[in-house]
């Protein structure tokens, strides 16, 4: 249940336009404490690949899709 509260905290910071600040950093640290860094990196890898597919499917933007795929692959190397 604690991780859902952390996610809500992050969502409220983003909605308030506080995208890169100490509060957001603290919230992300809480998520890492609950999930583990490797789990969070795995989730980010999945998001990168989903973003790539979104650009391919809905925007026919292969350049952006490749950039998201490349980012996902780089993060995956950290994750492994």
C-alpha atoms as a PDB file:
ATOM      1  CA  UNK A   1       0.000   0.000   0.000  1.00  0.00           C
ATOM      2  CA  UNK A   2       2.912   2.321   0.724  1.00  0.00           C
ATOM      3  CA  UNK A   3       4.056   2.374  -2.914  1.00  0.00           C
ATOM      4  CA  UNK A   4       0.609   3.607  -4.018  1.00  0.00           C
ATOM      5  CA  UNK A   5       0.938   6.527  -1.613  1.00  0.00           C
ATOM      6  CA  UNK A   6       4.386   7.299  -3.048  1.00  0.00           C
ATOM      7  CA  UNK A   7       2.997   7.261  -6.587  1.00  0.00           C
ATOM      8  CA  UNK A   8       0.171   9.619  -5.556  1.00  0.00           C
ATOM      9  CA  UNK A   9       2.790  11.934  -4.062  1.00  0.00           C
ATOM     10  CA  UNK A  10       4.738  11.956  -7.315  1.00  0.00           C
ATOM     11  CA  UNK A  11       1.564  12.567  -9.345  1.00  0.00           C
ATOM     12  CA  UNK A  12       0.648  15.571  -7.207  1.00  0.00           C
ATOM     13  CA  UNK A  13       4.125  17.078  -7.678  1.00  0.00           C
ATOM     14  CA  UNK A  14       3.924  16.632 -11.443  1.00  0.00           C
ATOM     15  CA  UNK A  15       0.419  18.106 -11.585  1.00  0.00           C
ATOM     16  CA  UNK A  16       1.677  21.116  -9.645  1.00  0.00           C
ATOM     17  CA  UNK A  17       4.428  21.608 -12.220  1.00  0.00           C
ATOM     18  CA  UNK A  18       7.140  20.595  -9.778  1.00  0.00           C
ATOM     19  CA  UNK A  19       8.819  18.129 -12.113  1.00  0.00           C
ATOM     20  CA  UNK A  20      12.474  18.434 -11.054  1.00  0.00           C
ATOM     21  CA  UNK A  21      12.849  19.427  -7.456  1.00  0.00           C
ATOM     22  CA  UNK A  22      13.957  18.041  -4.104  1.00  0.00           C
ATOM     23  CA  UNK A  23      10.430  16.866  -3.214  1.00  0.00           C
ATOM     24  CA  UNK A  24      10.199  14.791  -6.385  1.00  0.00           C
ATOM     25  CA  UNK A  25      13.657  13.387  -5.743  1.00  0.00           C
ATOM     26  CA  UNK A  26      12.564  12.371  -2.232  1.00  0.00           C
ATOM     27  CA  UNK A  27       9.436  10.690  -3.611  1.00  0.00           C
ATOM     28  CA  UNK A  28      11.434   8.751  -6.196  1.00  0.00           C
ATOM     29  CA  UNK A  29      13.846   7.682  -3.463  1.00  0.00           C
ATOM     30  CA  UNK A  30      10.884   6.312  -1.494  1.00  0.00           C
ATOM     31  CA  UNK A  31       9.766   4.333  -4.546  1.00  0.00           C
ATOM     32  CA  UNK A  32      13.284   2.905  -4.906  1.00  0.00           C
ATOM     33  CA  UNK A  33      13.261   1.958  -1.224  1.00  0.00           C
ATOM     34  CA  UNK A  34       9.965   0.094  -1.664  1.00  0.00           C
ATOM     35  CA  UNK A  35      10.546  -1.519  -5.069  1.00  0.00           C
ATOM     36  CA  UNK A  36      14.360  -1.612  -5.447  1.00  0.00           C
ATOM     37  CA  UNK A  37      16.421   0.250  -7.996  1.00  0.00           C
ATOM     38  CA  UNK A  38      16.578  -2.719 -10.370  1.00  0.00           C
ATOM     39  CA  UNK A  39      12.777  -3.017 -10.362  1.00  0.00           C
ATOM     40  CA  UNK A  40      12.387   0.705 -11.070  1.00  0.00           C
ATOM     41  CA  UNK A  41      14.916   0.505 -13.916  1.00  0.00           C
ATOM     42  CA  UNK A  42      13.036  -2.476 -15.336  1.00  0.00           C
ATOM     43  CA  UNK A  43       9.823  -0.471 -15.290  1.00  0.00           C
ATOM     44  CA  UNK A  44      11.534   2.439 -17.031  1.00  0.00           C
ATOM     45  CA  UNK A  45      12.882   0.082 -19.720  1.00  0.00           C
ATOM     46  CA  UNK A  46       9.334  -1.156 -20.355  1.00  0.00           C
ATOM     47  CA  UNK A  47       8.051   2.414 -20.546  1.00  0.00           C
ATOM     48  CA  UNK A  48      10.757   3.323 -23.068  1.00  0.00           C
ATOM     49  CA  UNK A  49       9.769   0.440 -25.333  1.00  0.00           C
ATOM     50  CA  UNK A  50       6.059   1.285 -24.979  1.00  0.00           C
ATOM     51  CA  UNK A  51       6.815   4.912 -25.913  1.00  0.00           C
ATOM     52  CA  UNK A  52       8.738   3.681 -28.965  1.00  0.00           C
ATOM     53  CA  UNK A  53       5.771   1.592 -30.097  1.00  0.00           C
ATOM     54  CA  UNK A  54       3.446   4.539 -29.520  1.00  0.00           C
ATOM     55  CA  UNK A  55       5.565   6.748 -31.800  1.00  0.00           C
ATOM     56  CA  UNK A  56       5.661   4.037 -34.453  1.00  0.00           C
ATOM     57  CA  UNK A  57       1.968   3.210 -34.307  1.00  0.00           C
ATOM     58  CA  UNK A  58       0.282   6.565 -33.798  1.00  0.00           C
ATOM     59  CA  UNK A  59       2.770   9.090 -35.152  1.00  0.00           C
ATOM     60  CA  UNK A  60       4.698   7.075 -37.767  1.00  0.00           C
ATOM     61  CA  UNK A  61       7.784   8.712 -36.257  1.00  0.00           C
ATOM     62  CA  UNK A  62      10.568   6.179 -36.598  1.00  0.00           C
ATOM     63  CA  UNK A  63      13.287   8.631 -35.497  1.00  0.00           C
ATOM     64  CA  UNK A  64      11.647   9.230 -32.112  1.00  0.00           C
ATOM     65  CA  UNK A  65      10.812   5.539 -31.788  1.00  0.00           C
ATOM     66  CA  UNK A  66      14.455   4.593 -32.339  1.00  0.00           C
ATOM     67  CA  UNK A  67      15.544   7.156 -29.752  1.00  0.00           C
ATOM     68  CA  UNK A  68      13.182   5.628 -27.160  1.00  0.00           C
ATOM     69  CA  UNK A  69      14.339   2.113 -28.048  1.00  0.00           C
ATOM     70  CA  UNK A  70      17.983   3.173 -27.754  1.00  0.00           C
ATOM     71  CA  UNK A  71      17.336   4.750 -24.362  1.00  0.00           C
ATOM     72  CA  UNK A  72      15.573   1.599 -23.189  1.00  0.00           C
ATOM     73  CA  UNK A  73      18.505  -0.553 -24.312  1.00  0.00           C
ATOM     74  CA  UNK A  74      21.001   1.683 -22.502  1.00  0.00           C
ATOM     75  CA  UNK A  75      19.013   1.505 -19.297  1.00  0.00           C
ATOM     76  CA  UNK A  76      18.632  -2.250 -19.717  1.00  0.00           C
ATOM     77  CA  UNK A  77      22.424  -2.563 -19.650  1.00  0.00           C
ATOM     78  CA  UNK A  78      22.392  -0.837 -16.238  1.00  0.00           C
ATOM     79  CA  UNK A  79      19.544  -3.057 -15.093  1.00  0.00           C
ATOM     80  CA  UNK A  80      21.319  -6.318 -15.928  1.00  0.00           C
END
